[in-house]
Amino acid sequence: MSDRRLVRWAATSARIVAGSAVAAAVVVGAVAGIAAPWPTLVAEPVRLQVTPAPSDTVLACDGPVFALGRTAESAGAVTVAAAQDTVSGPDAAEAQATSLTGATTDGSGDATVFRAPPRDRIATPYAAAGSATAASDDLIGFSASACRPPLAESWLVAGASTTGANDLVILGNPGDVAATVELSVYGAQGASTPPAGSGIVVPPGGQRVIPLAGLLLGEESPVVRVVATGAPVRASLQASLTRVLLPGGSDQAAPLGQAATSLVVPGVQVLTTGEGDAGTVLRLLSPGAEASATVTVTAVGAATPAEDPRTLSLPAGTPTSLDLSGLAPGAYTVSVAATQPIVGAVWSTTGFGEGADFAWYSPAPVFTTPGLIAVAPGAGGSVVFAADPAGGPASVTLTPQAGGAPVTVAVPAGGTVAVPADAGVYELAPDAPVHAGVSYAAPGALAGYPLWPADAAAGELTILP
């Protein structure tokens, strides 16, 4: 090989070796780059804390007591058997009163709606309640109920559709848009959605009255679930009873907002041992799954149960009844603890003869902060306080808003205390969680309703622009 060719060969070999070295360095650098952490850029989003403006305080009343089919010519017509007398306040709230119309053609069946606007971006406290006394040949009895905010879902645990019962589901829409309501009925055969309970349109500011027998005929212990879309509705069940052409009482039963594993029913009046018939009955339903429920009954003024707690099994979707007629006459709180969410209520009667009346007592939610309540007009009225089963003793102050001295009572752990109260609006201020209800007991007049705390103010929302 000549010297010139030798030099070219050496130069070419050097370039090949150098290129291989560079390629190897690139591979090593890439591998090292993958293994090493990459730089990141994090930008914190802008967050704004905004408190929504409160809406009006809206309370819809049950309205008058209705009678169905009083004339043979209009068997399905609804007429008014007794007008409702309401109390509300405070006057400083400057609430506006409107009506829910459409229950009767002449306007006599209109129910009152109270609407209190907020002040200084704070919801206005307001309370209202009403009562009515029916006294006619075909319908008698005393009814009392609280005016309540409308709900998207509620449960009616009351009534029957057997012979002698003439019960009505009453739906009111105090909103500005129409509501579409679905009624599901739970009975001995489980849950069903009858055609008469499907797609019920309740216009804004209107009412609809649906006979319970048209939903499920011949049911002794029905439970009705009310689900509203488009707008929340005020739902209630008016129950009336006739025994062999003799009227046996009437009542306006309050709804439950939702199923829960703990129910507290304060102020249940037990006035008769039954005389062969059940004078006091607890109705329970576990809508979703089989459950076990333990029932504890405590007399008003006592801190220990009146009898040993009773445990019963609840099948899924089928109402179950428990006879409480063995209790001595008096006022009681009925507490139920279940392994699954349940709904329930207690029925009690003054007797089974002429002039008898009955009442449905619904569970009361818990009060944890002060709020306004209303006691409807009626004889023998009292506010009943029951300690929360999950809490301890409580001290509760009841202050009349129309003037007068406040009353403070001590509620022992597991106990119940009743305070006589005249019609009016009060502030209820507990220092520990309690359940409360209004209870009435007088000759031929029995009623009761739970007290609901005011809706909590809306908390702050985080807005991400």
Protein backbone atom coordinates (compact mmCIF):
# COMPACT_ATOMS: atom_id res chain seq x y z
CA MET A 1 0.00 0.00 0.00
CA SER A 2 1.35 3.44 -0.97
CA ASP A 3 1.86 6.12 1.65
CA ARG A 4 -1.01 8.23 0.21
CA ARG A 5 -3.52 5.32 0.40
CA LEU A 6 -2.31 4.49 3.91
CA VAL A 7 -3.01 8.05 5.04
CA ARG A 8 -6.55 8.00 3.54
CA TRP A 9 -7.31 4.68 5.22
CA ALA A 10 -6.14 5.97 8.57
CA ALA A 11 -8.26 9.13 8.25
CA THR A 12 -11.38 7.12 7.35
CA SER A 13 -10.91 4.78 10.32
CA ALA A 14 -10.51 7.76 12.61
CA ARG A 15 -13.81 9.29 11.42
CA ILE A 16 -15.64 5.95 11.93
CA VAL A 17 -14.30 5.63 15.46
CA ALA A 18 -15.19 9.23 16.27
CA GLY A 19 -18.74 8.82 14.89
CA SER A 20 -19.28 5.67 16.97
CA ALA A 21 -18.11 7.48 20.06
CA VAL A 22 -20.50 10.37 19.44
CA ALA A 23 -23.44 7.98 18.90
CA ALA A 24 -22.62 6.14 22.07
CA ALA A 25 -22.48 9.42 23.98
CA VAL A 26 -25.90 10.42 22.63
CA VAL A 27 -27.43 7.09 23.75
CA VAL A 28 -25.89 7.39 27.20
CA GLY A 29 -27.15 10.98 27.51
CA ALA A 30 -30.67 9.99 26.49
CA VAL A 31 -30.78 7.15 29.00
CA ALA A 32 -29.48 9.46 31.70
CA GLY A 33 -32.10 12.07 30.74
CA ILE A 34 -34.90 9.55 31.06
CA ALA A 35 -33.70 8.43 34.47
CA ALA A 36 -33.25 11.97 35.77
CA PRO A 37 -36.35 13.97 36.88
CA TRP A 38 -37.78 16.31 34.25
CA PRO A 39 -38.46 19.92 35.15
CA THR A 40 -42.17 20.69 35.71
CA LEU A 41 -44.27 23.84 35.56
CA VAL A 42 -47.19 24.06 38.02
CA ALA A 43 -49.73 26.87 37.89
CA GLU A 44 -52.09 27.26 40.85
CA PRO A 45 -55.66 27.92 39.58
CA VAL A 46 -57.40 31.06 40.70
CA ARG A 47 -59.91 30.24 43.45
CA LEU A 48 -62.71 32.50 44.63
CA GLN A 49 -64.68 31.84 47.83
CA VAL A 50 -68.27 32.95 47.26
CA THR A 51 -71.25 32.71 49.62
CA PRO A 52 -74.50 32.29 47.64
CA ALA A 53 -77.23 34.79 48.31
CA PRO A 54 -80.00 33.22 50.44
CA SER A 55 -83.40 32.62 48.91
CA ASP A 56 -86.82 33.39 50.35
CA THR A 57 -88.04 31.41 53.34
CA VAL A 58 -91.04 29.53 51.91
CA LEU A 59 -93.53 27.66 54.12
CA ALA A 60 -96.56 25.90 52.62
CA CYS A 61 -99.49 24.95 54.86
CA ASP A 62 -101.69 21.86 54.50
CA GLY A 63 -104.84 23.92 54.20
CA PRO A 64 -108.39 22.90 55.12
CA VAL A 65 -109.75 19.46 55.88
CA PHE A 66 -111.35 17.95 52.77
CA ALA A 67 -114.30 15.64 52.27
CA LEU A 68 -114.53 13.42 49.21
CA GLY A 69 -117.70 12.33 47.44
CA ARG A 70 -120.34 13.82 49.68
CA THR A 71 -122.97 13.63 46.96
CA ALA A 72 -123.88 10.71 44.74
CA GLU A 73 -123.93 12.99 41.71
CA SER A 74 -120.25 13.95 42.28
CA ALA A 75 -118.62 10.97 43.92
CA GLY A 76 -115.14 12.25 43.06
CA ALA A 77 -115.69 15.88 44.00
CA VAL A 78 -113.65 17.45 46.81
CA THR A 79 -115.33 19.83 49.23
CA VAL A 80 -114.13 21.59 52.38
CA ALA A 81 -115.19 20.06 55.70
CA ALA A 82 -113.31 22.49 57.98
CA ALA A 83 -111.23 25.61 57.34
CA GLN A 84 -107.70 25.88 58.73
CA ASP A 85 -106.77 28.49 61.33
CA THR A 86 -103.09 29.47 61.13
CA VAL A 87 -100.55 31.30 63.26
CA SER A 88 -97.30 32.68 61.88
CA GLY A 89 -94.50 35.04 62.69
CA PRO A 90 -92.61 37.07 63.54
CA ASP A 91 -94.35 40.15 62.15
CA ALA A 92 -90.97 41.85 61.64
CA ALA A 93 -90.20 39.37 58.87
CA GLU A 94 -92.82 41.07 56.68
CA ALA A 95 -93.76 37.76 55.05
CA GLN A 96 -96.15 37.78 52.12
CA ALA A 97 -99.10 35.36 52.15
CA THR A 98 -100.27 33.75 48.90
CA SER A 99 -102.45 30.74 48.13
CA LEU A 100 -102.19 27.30 46.59
CA THR A 101 -105.28 26.95 44.43
CA GLY A 102 -107.09 24.27 42.48
CA ALA A 103 -108.19 21.80 45.15
CA THR A 104 -111.81 22.98 44.85
CA THR A 105 -113.57 24.89 42.09
CA ASP A 106 -114.82 27.66 44.38
CA GLY A 107 -111.48 28.50 46.02
CA SER A 108 -112.54 27.38 49.48
CA GLY A 109 -109.86 24.68 49.45
CA ASP A 110 -106.94 27.06 48.95
CA ALA A 111 -103.93 26.57 51.24
CA THR A 112 -101.75 29.41 52.54
CA VAL A 113 -98.12 29.94 51.55
CA PHE A 114 -95.87 32.27 53.55
CA ARG A 115 -92.85 33.79 51.80
CA ALA A 116 -90.33 35.86 53.79
CA PRO A 117 -87.56 37.60 51.80
CA PRO A 118 -83.96 37.57 53.09
CA ARG A 119 -82.45 40.60 54.77
CA ASP A 120 -78.83 41.74 54.51
CA ARG A 121 -77.95 38.50 52.67
CA ILE A 122 -79.28 36.44 55.60
CA ALA A 123 -82.27 34.11 55.39
CA THR A 124 -85.24 35.36 57.40
CA PRO A 125 -86.37 33.04 60.24
CA TYR A 126 -90.09 32.33 60.03
CA ALA A 127 -92.54 29.74 61.37
CA ALA A 128 -96.20 28.92 60.83
CA ALA A 129 -98.70 26.19 61.74
CA GLY A 130 -102.42 25.58 61.39
CA SER A 131 -105.28 23.53 62.81
CA ALA A 132 -108.85 22.65 61.89
CA THR A 133 -111.81 21.01 63.62
CA ALA A 134 -114.30 19.04 61.53
CA ALA A 135 -117.75 18.50 63.03
CA SER A 136 -120.29 17.08 60.58
CA ASP A 137 -122.36 13.96 60.16
CA ASP A 138 -119.79 12.24 57.94
CA LEU A 139 -116.45 13.65 59.16
CA ILE A 140 -115.23 14.73 62.59
CA GLY A 141 -111.90 15.26 64.27
CA PHE A 142 -109.17 17.73 65.16
CA SER A 143 -106.18 18.19 62.83
CA ALA A 144 -102.99 20.18 63.34
CA SER A 145 -99.90 20.53 61.18
CA ALA A 146 -96.85 22.72 60.67
CA CYS A 147 -96.37 24.77 57.52
CA ARG A 148 -93.24 23.35 55.87
CA PRO A 149 -90.82 24.04 53.03
CA PRO A 150 -91.45 21.98 49.88
CA LEU A 151 -89.31 18.89 49.26
CA ALA A 152 -88.05 17.05 46.20
CA GLU A 153 -88.62 13.72 47.98
CA SER A 154 -90.84 12.86 50.93
CA TRP A 155 -92.51 9.84 52.53
CA LEU A 156 -96.09 9.59 53.78
CA VAL A 157 -96.43 6.89 56.43
CA ALA A 158 -100.12 7.05 57.27
CA GLY A 159 -103.62 6.13 56.21
CA ALA A 160 -105.32 3.10 54.69
CA SER A 161 -107.40 2.26 51.66
CA THR A 162 -109.67 -0.33 53.26
CA THR A 163 -113.41 -0.08 53.86
CA GLY A 164 -114.26 2.98 55.97
CA ALA A 165 -111.09 4.90 55.10
CA ASN A 166 -111.39 7.93 52.86
CA ASP A 167 -107.81 9.14 52.65
CA LEU A 168 -106.30 11.75 50.33
CA VAL A 169 -102.77 12.54 49.15
CA ILE A 170 -102.48 16.33 48.81
CA LEU A 171 -99.70 17.91 46.74
CA GLY A 172 -98.96 21.64 46.65
CA ASN A 173 -96.43 23.51 44.53
CA PRO A 174 -95.45 26.93 45.92
CA GLY A 175 -92.78 27.39 43.24
CA ASP A 176 -92.74 29.34 39.99
CA VAL A 177 -92.51 26.36 37.59
CA ALA A 178 -94.57 23.21 37.23
CA ALA A 179 -93.68 20.06 39.18
CA THR A 180 -94.06 16.50 37.91
CA VAL A 181 -94.71 14.02 40.72
CA GLU A 182 -94.35 10.24 40.88
CA LEU A 183 -96.15 8.38 43.68
CA SER A 184 -94.86 4.93 44.62
CA VAL A 185 -96.96 2.91 47.05
CA TYR A 186 -95.56 0.22 49.36
CA GLY A 187 -98.03 -2.40 50.53
CA ALA A 188 -98.36 -6.08 51.36
CA GLN A 189 -97.23 -7.00 47.84
CA GLY A 190 -94.22 -4.71 47.87
CA ALA A 191 -93.65 -1.49 45.93
CA SER A 192 -95.69 -0.38 42.93
CA THR A 193 -96.12 2.73 40.80
CA PRO A 194 -99.82 2.81 39.86
CA PRO A 195 -100.94 4.64 36.73
CA ALA A 196 -102.87 7.15 38.86
CA GLY A 197 -99.63 8.08 40.61
CA SER A 198 -97.46 8.54 37.55
CA GLY A 199 -96.74 11.82 35.81
CA ILE A 200 -98.89 14.01 38.08
CA VAL A 201 -98.40 17.62 37.03
CA VAL A 202 -98.80 20.19 39.80
CA PRO A 203 -98.86 23.71 38.31
CA PRO A 204 -97.01 26.58 39.98
CA GLY A 205 -99.10 27.93 42.82
CA GLY A 206 -101.47 24.97 42.51
CA GLN A 207 -102.67 21.89 44.36
CA ARG A 208 -103.64 18.35 43.37
CA VAL A 209 -105.75 15.97 45.47
CA ILE A 210 -105.37 12.22 44.77
CA PRO A 211 -107.52 9.61 46.57
CA LEU A 212 -105.32 7.00 48.23
CA ALA A 213 -107.74 4.24 47.19
CA GLY A 214 -107.08 5.17 43.57
CA LEU A 215 -103.41 4.33 44.09
CA LEU A 216 -103.74 1.01 45.95
CA LEU A 217 -107.14 -0.31 46.98
CA GLY A 218 -107.67 -2.50 50.05
CA GLU A 219 -104.30 -1.81 51.72
CA GLU A 220 -104.26 -1.67 55.53
CA SER A 221 -100.76 -0.21 56.03
CA PRO A 222 -99.61 1.72 52.96
CA VAL A 223 -96.54 3.92 52.69
CA VAL A 224 -96.35 6.48 49.86
CA ARG A 225 -93.10 7.78 48.43
CA VAL A 226 -93.37 11.20 46.74
CA VAL A 227 -90.70 12.22 44.21
CA ALA A 228 -90.99 15.59 42.46
CA THR A 229 -89.02 16.89 39.48
CA GLY A 230 -89.06 20.38 38.05
CA ALA A 231 -89.93 21.91 41.44
CA PRO A 232 -90.22 20.64 45.04
CA VAL A 233 -93.71 20.08 46.44
CA ARG A 234 -95.46 20.12 49.81
CA ALA A 235 -96.94 16.67 50.36
CA SER A 236 -99.33 15.55 53.10
CA LEU A 237 -101.85 12.81 53.69
CA GLN A 238 -105.32 13.55 55.04
CA ALA A 239 -106.78 10.52 56.77
CA SER A 240 -110.39 10.08 57.83
CA LEU A 241 -112.25 7.05 59.12
CA THR A 242 -115.84 5.85 59.34
CA ARG A 243 -116.83 2.81 61.41
CA VAL A 244 -120.25 1.44 60.42
CA LEU A 245 -121.50 4.87 59.31
CA LEU A 246 -120.09 6.44 62.49
CA PRO A 247 -117.25 8.94 61.86
CA GLY A 248 -114.12 7.92 63.75
CA GLY A 249 -111.84 10.93 63.38
CA SER A 250 -109.54 12.67 60.93
CA ASP A 251 -105.99 13.96 60.75
CA GLN A 252 -103.40 15.65 58.51
CA ALA A 253 -100.26 13.50 58.59
CA ALA A 254 -96.85 15.14 58.15
CA PRO A 255 -94.25 13.70 55.76
CA LEU A 256 -90.74 12.46 56.42
CA GLY A 257 -87.94 14.04 54.47
CA GLN A 258 -85.92 10.85 54.00
CA ALA A 259 -85.32 7.36 55.35
CA ALA A 260 -82.90 7.07 58.27
CA THR A 261 -81.47 4.44 60.59
CA SER A 262 -82.74 6.34 63.66
CA LEU A 263 -86.29 7.64 64.16
CA VAL A 264 -87.59 9.61 67.16
CA VAL A 265 -91.34 10.23 67.51
CA PRO A 266 -92.04 12.56 70.47
CA GLY A 267 -95.41 13.25 72.09
CA VAL A 268 -97.35 10.10 71.19
CA GLN A 269 -100.59 10.06 73.20
CA VAL A 270 -101.79 6.62 74.35
CA LEU A 271 -105.41 6.97 75.52
CA THR A 272 -106.97 3.53 75.16
CA THR A 273 -105.77 -0.03 75.65
CA GLY A 274 -107.67 -1.12 72.56
CA GLU A 275 -110.61 -3.09 74.00
CA GLY A 276 -109.91 -5.87 71.53
CA ASP A 277 -108.65 -3.48 68.83
CA ALA A 278 -105.22 -1.95 68.55
CA GLY A 279 -105.40 1.56 70.03
CA THR A 280 -101.78 2.53 69.27
CA VAL A 281 -99.77 1.11 66.35
CA LEU A 282 -96.26 1.72 65.05
CA ARG A 283 -95.86 1.36 61.26
CA LEU A 284 -92.36 0.81 59.82
CA LEU A 285 -90.94 0.27 56.35
CA SER A 286 -87.45 -0.58 55.18
CA PRO A 287 -87.68 0.40 51.51
CA GLY A 288 -84.27 -0.78 50.30
CA ALA A 289 -83.21 -3.96 52.12
CA GLU A 290 -84.11 -6.32 54.93
CA ALA A 291 -83.47 -4.74 58.31
CA SER A 292 -83.66 -5.31 62.03
CA ALA A 293 -85.27 -2.58 64.14
CA THR A 294 -85.22 -2.07 67.90
CA VAL A 295 -88.14 -0.10 69.35
CA THR A 296 -87.82 1.77 72.65
CA VAL A 297 -90.77 3.53 74.32
CA THR A 298 -90.16 6.14 77.03
CA ALA A 299 -92.86 7.96 78.99
CA VAL A 300 -92.82 11.74 79.04
CA GLY A 301 -91.17 12.86 82.27
CA ALA A 302 -89.10 9.70 82.57
CA ALA A 303 -85.53 8.88 81.63
CA THR A 304 -85.86 5.09 81.46
CA PRO A 305 -87.92 2.99 79.00
CA ALA A 306 -91.51 2.17 79.94
CA GLU A 307 -90.96 -1.44 78.84
CA ASP A 308 -88.16 -3.62 77.56
CA PRO A 309 -87.06 -2.67 74.03
CA ARG A 310 -88.55 -4.84 71.31
CA THR A 311 -86.70 -6.01 68.21
CA LEU A 312 -88.47 -6.96 64.99
CA SER A 313 -87.44 -7.95 61.49
CA LEU A 314 -88.44 -5.72 58.58
CA PRO A 315 -88.67 -7.28 55.12
CA ALA A 316 -87.51 -5.15 52.22
CA GLY A 317 -90.28 -3.07 50.64
CA THR A 318 -93.16 -4.34 52.81
CA PRO A 319 -94.66 -2.29 55.71
CA THR A 320 -94.66 -3.89 59.16
CA SER A 321 -96.87 -2.94 62.14
CA LEU A 322 -96.21 -3.26 65.87
CA ASP A 323 -99.04 -3.04 68.42
CA LEU A 324 -98.22 -0.65 71.28
CA SER A 325 -101.63 -0.87 72.94
CA GLY A 326 -100.23 -2.55 76.07
CA LEU A 327 -98.85 0.76 77.33
CA ALA A 328 -100.53 2.54 80.20
CA PRO A 329 -102.42 5.72 79.20
CA GLY A 330 -100.09 8.68 78.93
CA ALA A 331 -97.68 10.50 76.63
CA TYR A 332 -94.61 8.76 75.22
CA THR A 333 -91.64 9.07 72.91
CA VAL A 334 -91.09 6.17 70.51
CA SER A 335 -87.50 5.67 69.31
CA VAL A 336 -86.45 3.21 66.61
CA ALA A 337 -82.89 2.15 65.77
CA ALA A 338 -82.49 0.09 62.58
CA THR A 339 -79.70 -1.60 60.67
CA GLN A 340 -80.91 -0.06 57.36
CA PRO A 341 -82.58 3.27 56.53
CA ILE A 342 -86.28 3.10 57.40
CA VAL A 343 -89.38 5.29 57.58
CA GLY A 344 -92.18 5.07 60.13
CA ALA A 345 -94.96 6.73 62.11
CA VAL A 346 -97.28 6.00 65.04
CA TRP A 347 -101.09 5.96 64.94
CA SER A 348 -103.18 6.40 68.09
CA THR A 349 -106.87 6.91 68.83
CA THR A 350 -109.02 8.23 71.65
CA GLY A 351 -111.39 5.26 71.33
CA PHE A 352 -113.67 3.34 69.00
CA GLY A 353 -117.09 4.77 69.80
CA GLU A 354 -119.00 7.90 68.94
CA GLY A 355 -116.94 11.08 68.98
CA ALA A 356 -113.59 9.29 68.68
CA ASP A 357 -110.60 10.96 67.05
CA PHE A 358 -107.14 9.74 66.02
CA ALA A 359 -103.72 11.13 65.18
CA TRP A 360 -100.66 10.19 63.14
CA TYR A 361 -97.34 11.05 64.80
CA SER A 362 -94.35 11.40 62.46
CA PRO A 363 -90.64 11.30 63.39
CA ALA A 364 -88.99 14.60 64.25
CA PRO A 365 -85.57 15.61 62.93
CA VAL A 366 -82.90 16.82 65.32
CA PHE A 367 -82.51 20.41 66.54
CA THR A 368 -78.88 21.39 67.10
CA THR A 369 -79.12 25.20 66.90
CA PRO A 370 -81.80 27.75 67.86
CA GLY A 371 -84.76 28.14 65.53
CA LEU A 372 -88.35 29.35 65.34
CA ILE A 373 -91.32 27.01 65.77
CA ALA A 374 -95.08 27.53 65.66
CA VAL A 375 -97.78 26.03 67.90
CA ALA A 376 -101.15 25.86 66.13
CA PRO A 377 -104.39 26.76 67.96
CA GLY A 378 -105.90 23.87 69.90
CA ALA A 379 -106.83 22.62 73.35
CA GLY A 380 -104.31 20.67 75.42
CA GLY A 381 -101.29 21.73 73.36
CA SER A 382 -97.73 21.13 74.54
CA VAL A 383 -94.23 21.14 73.10
CA VAL A 384 -92.45 17.85 73.74
CA PHE A 385 -88.64 17.58 73.84
CA ALA A 386 -86.80 14.26 73.53
CA ALA A 387 -83.08 13.85 73.99
CA ASP A 388 -81.25 12.59 70.93
CA PRO A 389 -80.44 8.86 71.34
CA ALA A 390 -76.86 9.50 70.23
CA GLY A 391 -76.35 12.41 72.62
CA GLY A 392 -76.62 13.22 76.29
CA PRO A 393 -78.76 15.53 78.42
CA ALA A 394 -79.88 18.89 77.09
CA SER A 395 -81.19 22.20 78.35
CA VAL A 396 -83.85 23.79 76.13
CA THR A 397 -85.22 27.33 76.33
CA LEU A 398 -88.60 28.15 74.79
CA THR A 399 -89.13 31.89 74.26
CA PRO A 400 -92.51 33.28 73.06
CA GLN A 401 -91.99 35.80 70.26
CA ALA A 402 -95.13 37.76 71.13
CA GLY A 403 -93.78 38.59 74.57
CA GLY A 404 -93.65 36.72 77.82
CA ALA A 405 -91.12 34.98 80.01
CA PRO A 406 -88.97 32.25 78.48
CA VAL A 407 -89.18 28.72 79.89
CA THR A 408 -86.07 26.57 80.32
CA VAL A 409 -86.34 22.83 80.88
CA ALA A 410 -83.75 20.13 81.47
CA VAL A 411 -84.06 17.03 79.29
CA PRO A 412 -82.21 14.04 80.78
CA ALA A 413 -80.21 11.71 78.57
CA GLY A 414 -82.65 9.26 77.00
CA GLY A 415 -85.59 11.17 78.51
CA THR A 416 -88.53 13.30 77.39
CA VAL A 417 -90.05 16.51 78.81
CA ALA A 418 -93.29 18.31 77.83
CA VAL A 419 -94.02 22.03 78.25
CA PRO A 420 -97.63 23.35 77.96
CA ALA A 421 -97.81 25.97 75.22
CA ASP A 422 -100.45 28.32 73.86
CA ALA A 423 -100.84 29.06 70.17
CA GLY A 424 -98.07 31.26 68.81
CA VAL A 425 -94.50 31.45 67.56
CA TYR A 426 -91.56 30.56 69.81
CA GLU A 427 -87.80 30.37 69.63
CA LEU A 428 -86.49 26.93 70.52
CA ALA A 429 -82.88 27.09 71.75
CA PRO A 430 -81.16 23.84 72.84
CA ASP A 431 -77.62 23.51 74.16
CA ALA A 432 -77.42 19.90 72.92
CA PRO A 433 -79.22 17.94 70.18
CA VAL A 434 -82.93 17.31 70.83
CA HIS A 435 -86.02 16.21 68.90
CA ALA A 436 -89.23 18.18 69.33
CA GLY A 437 -92.92 17.95 68.44
CA VAL A 438 -96.24 19.54 69.27
CA SER A 439 -98.86 17.29 70.83
CA TYR A 440 -102.58 17.87 71.57
CA ALA A 441 -104.86 15.81 73.78
CA ALA A 442 -108.40 16.84 74.72
CA PRO A 443 -111.81 15.11 74.85
CA GLY A 444 -112.56 14.00 71.30
CA ALA A 445 -109.50 15.81 69.91
CA LEU A 446 -106.12 14.25 69.22
CA ALA A 447 -103.28 15.55 67.02
CA GLY A 448 -99.55 16.04 66.83
CA TYR A 449 -96.85 17.10 64.41
CA PRO A 450 -93.04 17.13 64.37
CA LEU A 451 -91.05 20.33 64.53
CA TRP A 452 -88.44 20.88 61.82
CA PRO A 453 -85.38 23.08 62.25
CA ALA A 454 -84.88 25.87 59.74
CA ASP A 455 -82.82 25.13 56.63
CA ALA A 456 -79.15 25.71 57.26
CA ALA A 457 -77.64 28.75 55.61
CA ALA A 458 -75.70 27.99 52.43
CA GLY A 459 -71.95 27.68 53.01
CA GLU A 460 -69.16 29.09 50.91
CA LEU A 461 -68.61 27.77 47.38
CA THR A 462 -65.22 27.54 45.68
CA ILE A 463 -65.33 29.04 42.18
CA LEU A 464 -62.59 28.23 39.63
CA PRO A 465 -62.80 30.92 36.90
